[in-house]
Amino acid sequence: MTTRLERELAAAFRDATEALQPRPDLADAVRMSVRSRRQPLIVAAAAACAVILLAVGVSYAAAARHPSIASRQHHLTPAPIASARRSSAPLRLSYPVRQLAVSGSYLYVLSSATGTLSAYDRRTSTLIRQVTPPGGATAFAVGPASEVWLSFAAAPGLIGTWLLSPGLKLHSSAPGLAGETIVPVSRTAALVAAKHGLYRLIMPAPGSFGSASWRLQPGTELGQPPSTVPAGAQVVGGQVVVRTTDGNGNDGQLVIAGQPNVRYGGAPQAVVHDFAGTGGSLWVVAGTAGNATVGTLVRLDGRLRPAGPVPSASKLLSQVSAVWSAGNTVWLALGPGAWASGHSLACFAVGKQTGPVVSLPVSGQVTALAATASTVYVGAATSAGSSTTIATYPVPARCREPQPEAGGPH
């Protein structure tokens, strides 16, 4: 990986806001229904792009400044989002939620059914704006300067990436490039993972004219097919760690971009379902090829090696369906055994020692999550899987601060 790229990654990791950086592709286990799989990167030929853009016409060109705004009544049952200090009615949406993100004054909600991205005011729970890309969303991320990245793809080949302003009012476009995972490194630059490595994408500022550009970065290869289809990425210790699969969500493993021989997981044992990073550590949900629902929580270092024990809560941590991180807090969606118990979410702090694990009074299957230092926004699916309830909880005190070293691990 180039020195310039390493500097950008270090700066992005250091300057990141309090927002949780969501993964572009949530764990397969937290889907209520199987979503269609897409290729991680599609670079259309120039002629094909020209035909597509001509067909779309003026309406697509205008979208570079004004994304399509969905009706504020669409799929929404008005209800305030709970504050960090007290409980209140949750936000009820009539569609499954793929991803949540928090940045500044906004809560972002990405629909897995329509690809619609919504921005809510965190203080008033007002729906600020909804945008719907011309194709299904393939990746979504919030950058270190609070700009929003959104990739989309639709048959027969309408693909692209948008860079949106924090309130989703303006955006710029990169027609012809879409990815399954985006790692923002500055206000207008991001890395898009593909089979062959990481592409560096540079965009015009949201709402401005200009052409986007991208090129494959030397020294970022992911290895040989077939299990090199990116399905998520994290910046850990200045390196990009990518979860790859065979393209159908199978045989999940981790690889360091540019060091394809440094790997963890894969079939038939230790299949990586999901992962998240805190500092120089990775927290991995590892299971078997025959069980895509839950796995066991494993801790790795920046070289993808086992890195000591996880907090002692063996029953909880052996039935994990998804993992997120925000600052020094790790969040866990627990497996089916916890869905009916009313405590299907857990957290712990990472410091000189980790833990203890604290469970939260969340019912149902947790499918999406975003957190700040004091507040966590949790999306839980109904039994039918066609709607989502987003509730807000204060972060438990024991999950906010690193635990003291004295006394040893719990």
Foldseek 3Di string as FASTA:
>chain_A
DDPVLLVLLVVQVVLADLKFWDWLFFFPQQAPDDDDFDFFKFFDDPVVLVVVDVVVPPVVVVCQFAFDWDDPVPQWDDFAFQDLPDFGAWTKGQFFWQEWMDDDQWIWTAGQVQRKIWIAGNVGRHTQTIGGDPAHWQGWTATRVRWIKTWGADPPGFTWMWTADNSRGFIHIATRIGGNGWADRDNFWIWRAHQAFTKIKGTDHTNDDDYIDIDHDPLFHQDDDQFRRFNTWDQEPSWIKTWTGRRSSAQTKIATGSGNVQIDGGPAFQHFREWEDEHQKIWTFTGGRVDSNGAATFIAGNSRHGDDDAAPPRVFRGFFRYWTDRHQKIKTQGTPVCQAVQFRIWMWGDDLEIDDIDTDRHHAGWNYWMDGLFKIWTWHADPSSGMTIIHMYTDDPRRRDHDDPPPHGD
